[in-house]
Protein backbone atom coordinates (compact mmCIF):
# COMPACT_ATOMS: atom_id res chain seq x y z
CA MET A 1 0.00 0.00 0.00
CA GLU A 2 3.02 2.30 0.40
CA LEU A 3 3.57 2.15 -3.38
CA VAL A 4 -0.11 2.90 -3.96
CA GLU A 5 0.19 6.05 -1.87
CA GLN A 6 3.32 7.05 -3.77
CA ILE A 7 1.41 6.60 -7.03
CA LYS A 8 -1.37 8.89 -5.80
CA ILE A 9 1.14 11.51 -4.73
CA LYS A 10 2.95 11.30 -8.06
CA ALA A 11 -0.33 11.68 -9.96
CA ALA A 12 -1.08 14.87 -8.02
CA GLU A 13 2.45 16.17 -8.65
CA LEU A 14 1.91 15.67 -12.38
CA GLY A 15 -1.26 17.74 -12.23
CA PHE A 16 -3.90 15.03 -12.54
CA SER A 17 -7.20 15.77 -10.81
CA THR A 18 -8.06 12.21 -9.75
CA VAL A 19 -6.44 8.79 -9.67
CA GLY A 20 -7.52 5.25 -8.90
CA ILE A 21 -6.00 1.79 -9.20
CA ILE A 22 -7.78 -1.46 -10.05
CA PRO A 23 -6.78 -5.02 -10.87
CA ALA A 24 -6.48 -5.64 -14.61
CA ALA A 25 -9.65 -7.31 -15.82
CA PRO A 26 -12.13 -6.91 -18.68
CA ALA A 27 -14.44 -3.91 -18.31
CA ARG A 28 -17.55 -4.66 -16.28
CA HIS A 29 -19.88 -3.50 -19.08
CA LEU A 30 -18.03 -5.20 -21.93
CA ALA A 31 -21.12 -7.22 -22.87
CA ALA A 32 -23.18 -4.04 -23.18
CA TYR A 33 -20.49 -2.55 -25.40
CA GLU A 34 -20.55 -5.58 -27.67
CA ARG A 35 -24.35 -5.37 -27.92
CA TRP A 36 -23.93 -1.70 -28.90
CA ILE A 37 -21.52 -2.71 -31.65
CA ALA A 38 -23.86 -5.47 -32.84
CA ALA A 39 -26.64 -2.87 -33.12
CA GLU A 40 -24.30 -0.83 -35.36
CA MET A 41 -24.73 2.26 -33.20
CA HIS A 42 -21.04 3.04 -33.71
CA GLY A 43 -21.85 4.24 -37.22
CA GLN A 44 -18.80 4.60 -39.45
CA MET A 45 -16.31 4.25 -36.58
CA GLY A 46 -15.20 0.88 -37.88
CA TYR A 47 -12.12 0.78 -35.68
CA MET A 48 -14.40 0.23 -32.68
CA ALA A 49 -15.69 -3.04 -34.13
CA ARG A 50 -12.42 -4.45 -35.48
CA PRO A 51 -12.03 -8.09 -34.35
CA ASP A 52 -8.48 -7.51 -33.09
CA ARG A 53 -9.69 -4.67 -30.88
CA LEU A 54 -12.56 -6.72 -29.51
CA ILE A 55 -10.04 -9.40 -28.59
CA ARG A 56 -7.92 -6.84 -26.71
CA ARG A 57 -10.93 -5.61 -24.76
CA ARG A 58 -11.79 -9.16 -23.75
CA ASP A 59 -8.24 -10.01 -22.70
CA LEU A 60 -5.92 -7.19 -21.62
CA ASN A 61 -2.99 -9.63 -21.72
CA VAL A 62 -3.11 -9.31 -25.50
CA ILE A 63 -2.20 -5.63 -25.02
CA LEU A 64 0.37 -6.20 -22.27
CA PRO A 65 1.38 -9.77 -21.38
CA ASP A 66 1.01 -10.55 -17.66
CA VAL A 67 -0.79 -7.27 -17.01
CA ARG A 68 -1.85 -7.07 -13.36
CA SER A 69 -3.04 -3.52 -12.70
CA ILE A 70 -4.61 -0.44 -14.29
CA ILE A 71 -3.88 3.06 -13.03
CA CYS A 72 -6.66 5.41 -14.12
CA VAL A 73 -6.19 9.18 -14.00
CA GLY A 74 -8.42 12.13 -14.75
CA LEU A 75 -7.63 15.70 -15.72
CA ASP A 76 -10.35 18.35 -15.40
CA TYR A 77 -10.86 20.58 -18.43
CA TYR A 78 -13.82 22.77 -17.46
CA THR A 79 -12.82 26.30 -18.36
CA THR A 80 -15.46 28.99 -18.03
CA ALA A 81 -19.08 29.62 -18.90
CA LEU A 82 -19.76 30.95 -22.37
CA SER A 83 -21.97 34.02 -22.39
CA PRO A 84 -25.56 33.34 -23.53
CA GLU A 85 -25.18 36.11 -26.12
CA THR A 86 -22.32 34.22 -27.75
CA ALA A 87 -23.68 30.70 -27.29
CA ASP A 88 -27.06 31.60 -28.77
CA ASP A 89 -25.71 33.68 -31.64
CA PRO A 90 -26.52 31.70 -34.83
CA SER A 91 -23.84 33.60 -36.74
CA ARG A 92 -21.21 31.80 -34.65
CA GLY A 93 -20.20 28.15 -34.85
CA ARG A 94 -20.19 26.37 -31.50
CA ILE A 95 -17.16 24.24 -30.57
CA SER A 96 -17.14 21.63 -27.83
CA ARG A 97 -15.38 22.85 -24.70
CA TYR A 98 -12.67 20.20 -24.88
CA ALA A 99 -11.38 21.76 -28.11
CA TRP A 100 -11.23 25.41 -27.01
CA GLY A 101 -7.51 25.30 -26.36
CA VAL A 102 -4.49 23.10 -26.92
CA ASP A 103 -5.02 19.50 -27.99
CA TYR A 104 -5.33 17.62 -24.69
CA HIS A 105 -3.10 14.83 -26.01
CA GLU A 106 -0.22 17.30 -26.09
CA ILE A 107 -0.78 18.02 -22.41
CA MET A 108 -1.59 14.53 -21.15
CA TRP A 109 0.76 12.35 -23.20
CA PRO A 110 4.05 13.73 -21.81
CA ARG A 111 2.73 13.42 -18.27
CA MET A 112 1.50 9.89 -18.79
CA LYS A 113 4.86 8.89 -20.25
CA THR A 114 6.64 10.53 -17.32
CA PHE A 115 4.29 8.76 -14.91
CA ALA A 116 4.91 5.33 -16.50
CA ALA A 117 8.68 5.87 -16.58
CA TRP A 118 8.67 6.87 -12.89
CA LEU A 119 6.64 3.76 -12.00
CA GLU A 120 9.05 1.43 -13.79
CA GLN A 121 12.09 3.12 -12.25
CA THR A 122 10.53 3.04 -8.78
CA ALA A 123 9.02 -0.44 -8.69
CA GLY A 124 9.96 -2.21 -11.93
CA GLY A 125 7.56 -4.05 -14.18
CA ASN A 126 6.42 -3.20 -17.68
CA SER A 127 3.73 -0.75 -18.65
CA ARG A 128 1.58 0.50 -21.51
CA THR A 129 0.08 3.98 -21.59
CA TYR A 130 -3.10 5.28 -23.21
CA VAL A 131 -4.96 8.54 -23.63
CA ASP A 132 -8.19 7.47 -25.39
CA THR A 133 -6.17 5.69 -28.07
CA GLY A 134 -6.20 2.05 -26.97
CA ALA A 135 -8.67 -0.79 -27.31
CA ILE A 136 -9.87 -0.49 -23.72
CA LEU A 137 -13.12 0.88 -22.33
CA GLU A 138 -11.55 3.70 -20.38
CA ARG A 139 -14.71 5.17 -18.85
CA ASP A 140 -15.75 1.77 -17.57
CA HIS A 141 -12.34 1.17 -16.00
CA ALA A 142 -12.32 4.69 -14.55
CA GLU A 143 -15.68 4.04 -12.93
CA SER A 144 -14.33 0.82 -11.40
CA ALA A 145 -11.35 2.82 -10.12
CA GLY A 146 -13.65 5.24 -8.31
CA LEU A 147 -13.21 8.26 -10.57
CA GLY A 148 -16.95 8.67 -11.05
CA PHE A 149 -20.15 6.98 -12.13
CA THR A 150 -21.61 6.44 -15.58
CA GLY A 151 -24.40 8.89 -16.36
CA LYS A 152 -27.43 8.38 -18.56
CA ASN A 153 -25.56 10.27 -21.27
CA SER A 154 -22.91 7.49 -21.07
CA LEU A 155 -20.26 9.93 -19.77
CA LEU A 156 -18.23 9.52 -16.61
CA ILE A 157 -19.51 11.92 -13.95
CA HIS A 158 -17.80 12.86 -10.69
CA HIS A 159 -20.28 13.98 -8.06
CA ARG A 160 -18.21 17.10 -7.23
CA ARG A 161 -16.18 17.72 -10.40
CA GLY A 162 -18.81 16.92 -13.01
CA SER A 163 -18.10 15.32 -16.38
CA PHE A 164 -15.62 17.69 -18.01
CA ILE A 165 -12.65 15.38 -17.48
CA PHE A 166 -10.05 13.74 -19.71
CA LEU A 167 -9.00 10.18 -18.91
CA GLY A 168 -5.73 8.31 -19.17
CA GLU A 169 -4.56 4.82 -18.24
CA ILE A 170 -1.35 3.00 -17.38
CA LEU A 171 -1.47 -0.76 -17.72
CA SER A 172 1.19 -2.34 -15.52
CA THR A 173 2.52 -5.82 -14.83
CA LEU A 174 2.93 -4.83 -11.16
CA PRO A 175 0.37 -6.35 -8.73
CA LEU A 176 -0.50 -2.99 -7.18
CA VAL A 177 -3.79 -4.01 -5.53
CA PRO A 178 -5.39 -7.32 -4.50
CA PRO A 179 -7.52 -8.85 -7.29
CA SER A 180 -10.73 -8.46 -5.29
CA SER A 181 -10.05 -5.13 -3.60
CA PRO A 182 -9.41 -2.11 -5.85
CA ALA A 183 -7.69 0.85 -4.24
CA ARG A 184 -10.05 3.75 -4.75
CA PRO A 185 -9.54 7.49 -4.26
CA SER A 186 -12.02 9.36 -2.08
CA ALA A 187 -14.88 7.37 -3.50
CA PRO A 188 -17.02 9.59 -5.71
CA ILE A 189 -20.56 8.40 -5.33
CA GLY A 190 -23.68 9.49 -7.12
CA SER A 191 -26.21 8.60 -9.75
CA CYS A 192 -28.59 10.20 -12.19
CA GLY A 193 -31.61 9.04 -10.23
CA LYS A 194 -34.79 9.96 -12.07
CA CYS A 195 -33.17 12.82 -13.97
CA THR A 196 -33.58 12.66 -17.75
CA ARG A 197 -32.45 16.17 -18.65
CA CYS A 198 -29.70 15.03 -21.00
CA GLN A 199 -32.06 12.78 -22.91
CA THR A 200 -34.70 15.49 -23.19
CA ALA A 201 -32.26 18.24 -24.18
CA CYS A 202 -30.42 16.32 -26.92
CA PRO A 203 -31.28 18.13 -30.18
CA THR A 204 -31.05 14.98 -32.29
CA GLY A 205 -32.56 12.41 -29.92
CA ALA A 206 -29.32 10.46 -29.72
CA PHE A 207 -30.32 8.56 -26.55
CA PRO A 208 -32.64 5.67 -27.45
CA GLU A 209 -32.54 4.63 -23.79
CA PRO A 210 -30.64 5.65 -20.64
CA TYR A 211 -26.88 4.96 -20.77
CA VAL A 212 -27.00 4.26 -24.52
CA VAL A 213 -25.90 6.71 -27.22
CA ASP A 214 -26.70 6.08 -30.86
CA ALA A 215 -23.60 7.66 -32.38
CA ARG A 216 -25.32 7.94 -35.74
CA ARG A 217 -27.55 10.64 -34.24
CA CYS A 218 -24.98 12.29 -31.98
CA ILE A 219 -23.83 15.78 -33.00
CA SER A 220 -20.29 15.02 -31.85
CA TYR A 221 -20.19 12.02 -34.16
CA LEU A 222 -21.80 13.88 -37.05
CA THR A 223 -19.40 16.82 -36.85
CA ILE A 224 -16.19 14.98 -35.92
CA GLU A 225 -16.19 11.27 -36.68
CA LEU A 226 -18.41 11.21 -39.77
CA LYS A 227 -16.07 11.65 -42.71
CA GLY A 228 -18.59 11.78 -45.51
CA TRP A 229 -21.90 13.44 -46.24
CA MET A 230 -24.02 14.51 -43.32
CA PRO A 231 -27.49 12.92 -43.53
CA ARG A 232 -29.93 15.55 -44.78
CA GLU A 233 -32.47 14.82 -42.08
CA MET A 234 -29.86 15.54 -39.40
CA ARG A 235 -28.56 18.83 -40.79
CA PRO A 236 -31.31 21.11 -39.42
CA LEU A 237 -30.94 19.50 -35.99
CA ILE A 238 -27.28 20.35 -35.35
CA GLY A 239 -28.01 24.08 -35.10
CA ASN A 240 -24.74 26.00 -35.01
CA TRP A 241 -22.47 23.26 -33.65
CA ILE A 242 -19.46 22.88 -35.94
CA TYR A 243 -17.19 20.69 -33.81
CA GLY A 244 -18.63 18.41 -31.18
CA CYS A 245 -21.49 19.17 -28.80
CA ASP A 246 -21.81 19.86 -25.06
CA VAL A 247 -25.58 19.97 -24.67
CA CYS A 248 -25.87 16.84 -22.53
CA GLN A 249 -23.08 18.11 -20.28
CA GLU A 250 -24.29 21.69 -20.04
CA ILE A 251 -27.71 20.53 -18.89
CA CYS A 252 -26.33 18.07 -16.31
CA PRO A 253 -26.89 19.16 -12.68
CA TYR A 254 -23.52 17.69 -11.65
CA ASN A 255 -21.76 20.29 -13.83
CA ARG A 256 -23.40 23.27 -12.12
CA HIS A 257 -20.57 23.57 -9.65
CA ALA A 258 -17.68 22.47 -11.86
CA GLN A 259 -14.58 24.51 -11.05
CA PRO A 260 -12.34 26.02 -13.74
CA THR A 261 -9.27 23.92 -14.43
CA GLY A 262 -5.83 25.22 -13.61
CA GLU A 263 -4.51 23.97 -16.95
CA ARG A 264 -4.01 27.22 -18.83
CA GLY A 265 -3.49 25.38 -22.10
CA PHE A 266 -7.19 24.56 -22.21
CA TYR A 267 -8.16 28.22 -22.52
CA GLY A 268 -6.60 31.64 -22.95
CA ASP A 269 -6.45 34.48 -20.44
CA ASP A 270 -8.19 36.93 -22.76
CA ALA A 271 -12.00 36.74 -22.44
CA LEU A 272 -12.46 37.73 -26.09
CA LEU A 273 -10.05 35.00 -27.14
CA ILE A 274 -12.18 32.48 -25.23
CA GLU A 275 -15.31 33.64 -27.05
CA ASN A 276 -13.64 33.32 -30.46
CA ARG A 277 -12.18 29.90 -29.67
CA ALA A 278 -15.46 28.59 -28.31
CA ALA A 279 -17.70 30.09 -30.98
CA PRO A 280 -15.87 31.58 -33.98
CA HIS A 281 -17.81 33.57 -36.53
CA LEU A 282 -19.13 31.29 -39.27
CA LEU A 283 -18.04 33.75 -41.95
CA ASP A 284 -14.44 33.47 -40.71
CA ILE A 285 -14.59 29.69 -40.98
CA LEU A 286 -16.26 29.64 -44.38
CA ARG A 287 -13.56 31.79 -45.96
CA MET A 288 -10.68 29.62 -44.72
CA ASP A 289 -8.33 28.06 -47.24
CA GLU A 290 -5.98 25.20 -46.34
CA ALA A 291 -3.23 27.52 -45.13
CA ALA A 292 -5.55 29.55 -42.90
CA PHE A 293 -7.03 26.37 -41.41
CA ALA A 294 -3.60 24.88 -40.72
CA PHE A 295 -2.42 28.09 -39.05
CA ARG A 296 -5.46 28.66 -36.87
CA PHE A 297 -5.83 25.09 -35.61
CA ALA A 298 -2.18 24.01 -35.51
CA ASN A 299 -2.31 23.01 -31.82
CA SER A 300 -6.00 22.19 -31.61
CA PRO A 301 -7.75 18.82 -31.73
CA ILE A 302 -9.83 20.36 -34.53
CA LYS A 303 -6.90 19.88 -36.89
CA ARG A 304 -7.63 16.16 -37.11
CA ILE A 305 -10.92 16.62 -38.98
CA LYS A 306 -9.14 18.83 -41.54
CA ARG A 307 -10.57 21.76 -43.44
CA ARG A 308 -13.08 19.80 -45.49
CA ARG A 309 -15.04 18.51 -42.51
CA LEU A 310 -14.93 21.75 -40.54
CA LEU A 311 -16.19 23.78 -43.50
CA ARG A 312 -18.80 21.11 -44.23
CA ASN A 313 -20.09 21.64 -40.70
CA ALA A 314 -19.88 25.41 -41.02
CA ALA A 315 -21.88 25.31 -44.25
CA VAL A 316 -24.63 23.34 -42.51
CA ALA A 317 -24.59 25.80 -39.60
CA ALA A 318 -24.80 28.69 -42.07
CA GLY A 319 -27.85 27.08 -43.66
CA ASN A 320 -29.44 26.81 -40.21
CA TRP A 321 -28.51 30.44 -39.52
CA GLY A 322 -30.38 31.42 -42.66
CA SER A 323 -28.72 34.79 -43.14
CA GLU A 324 -28.12 36.28 -46.58
CA THR A 325 -24.77 37.48 -45.19
CA ALA A 326 -23.32 34.00 -45.75
CA VAL A 327 -24.46 33.71 -49.38
CA PRO A 328 -21.31 35.09 -51.11
CA LEU A 329 -19.00 32.74 -49.21
CA LEU A 330 -21.27 29.76 -49.82
CA ILE A 331 -21.31 30.60 -53.52
CA ASN A 332 -17.50 30.62 -53.46
CA LEU A 333 -17.57 27.10 -52.05
CA LEU A 334 -19.44 25.90 -55.14
CA ASP A 335 -16.04 26.13 -56.86
CA ASP A 336 -14.15 24.36 -54.10
CA PRO A 337 -12.08 21.29 -55.11
CA GLU A 338 -13.79 19.26 -52.36
CA PRO A 339 -17.06 17.75 -53.64
CA ILE A 340 -18.44 17.49 -50.12
CA LEU A 341 -18.08 21.25 -49.66
CA ARG A 342 -19.77 22.03 -52.95
CA GLY A 343 -22.68 19.79 -52.00
CA HIS A 344 -23.17 21.11 -48.46
CA ALA A 345 -22.79 24.71 -49.64
CA ALA A 346 -25.61 24.08 -52.12
CA TRP A 347 -27.78 22.68 -49.33
CA ALA A 348 -27.13 25.77 -47.22
CA LEU A 349 -27.97 28.08 -50.12
CA GLY A 350 -31.19 26.15 -50.60
CA GLN A 351 -32.07 26.78 -46.96
CA ILE A 352 -31.36 30.51 -47.20
CA ARG A 353 -33.26 30.88 -50.48
CA ASP A 354 -31.49 34.01 -51.62
CA GLU A 355 -31.82 34.59 -55.37
CA ARG A 356 -28.08 34.95 -55.77
CA GLY A 357 -27.60 31.48 -54.38
CA GLY A 358 -30.25 30.00 -56.64
CA THR A 359 -28.70 31.58 -59.71
CA ALA A 360 -25.25 30.28 -58.75
CA VAL A 361 -26.44 26.72 -58.16
CA VAL A 362 -28.30 26.66 -61.48
CA HIS A 363 -25.18 27.95 -63.20
CA HIS A 364 -22.94 25.30 -61.63
CA LEU A 365 -25.24 22.31 -62.14
CA PRO A 366 -24.39 21.60 -65.83
CA HIS A 367 -20.67 21.61 -65.06
CA GLU A 368 -20.78 19.35 -61.99
CA LYS A 369 -19.41 15.82 -62.55
CA LYS A 370 -20.02 14.25 -59.12
CA GLU A 371 -23.41 12.60 -58.86
CA LEU A 372 -23.84 13.25 -55.12
CA VAL A 373 -23.10 16.92 -55.63
CA ARG A 374 -25.49 17.13 -58.56
CA GLU A 375 -28.18 15.61 -56.36
CA GLU A 376 -27.61 18.31 -53.73
CA TYR A 377 -27.79 20.98 -56.43
CA GLU A 378 -31.07 19.64 -57.79
CA LEU A 379 -32.65 19.42 -54.35
CA ALA A 380 -31.48 22.95 -53.53
CA ILE A 381 -32.97 24.29 -56.74
CA MET A 382 -36.32 22.80 -55.75
CA ASN A 383 -36.40 25.21 -52.81
CA TRP A 384 -36.65 28.14 -55.24
CA GLU A 385 -39.39 26.60 -57.36
């Protein structure tokens, strides 16, 4: 137990908010996860259903031979409340709080590597480190380690800290705790009880039942993970979200008293900078070329969806905004090399119904080679007829 206490102290020294240690074993809700995969609720995230990854989740020894323990850590990322004027402004594109600042991997990875190296130097053994990149059910393991409970929105919730928390894991061959007695931190207890606020507030109805998220209807999936065309029936429902969604967290009572994180990399000191990172003007996004995108999001997790997906999302948000102000930039996108941007720009123009947009779409239709884009053009034109 002396080593366990040293591990907790080291985690705090490295800046982690919470830590817990459990024996290495398959996640308690692995069967539920496999049912979720069988129901195809993971959408196009094929990596989640890969047979080799399912094998790893069932047997952690495939990841790390003779694994005995899992150290789970959490790092709070709640920053500050966004003003209602900004959050409700349809001319701005909302960004999930976790992506307001520096990519959390750049903050957590070095610390996790340092943590694992310290553990091996102090007590020996081998280790494997993850920050949401491995074939393990990290929220399930974190719950077992006492870092929180699983909410009806499927997120890990700490009864005092809320759900704005990043997770990391160290798998170790060291037998840190008895197999039947996990060493927990100050045990965070709690439950959702009869509360259904997250389910009711979800704009797309992504919760078919408590504790289950249908990713195919989740705004975070649609704006981040979905690489192709956004389903037409979902476009009006995403509002002005252009990267992720925080609705089910913002409505959660456990997040009412969340305290701002001390990690300055997750947000800037300038209040105006926060507003622009959290909800940039759609017009600024729509006019971005590759160079501007690369410069603005160089250290952000947004860089991984690349320009084409971000502008796809911004075009949909502009269509939902419905302002003629966006028409010239949307018309410019009709000449973009990316077919997906031409198609979504046409959809947005069809929603706005400005004559300039209709004229531009009609002009571009005969020259368009891609069938999916032509289909979007034809449907958009119908809105003017």
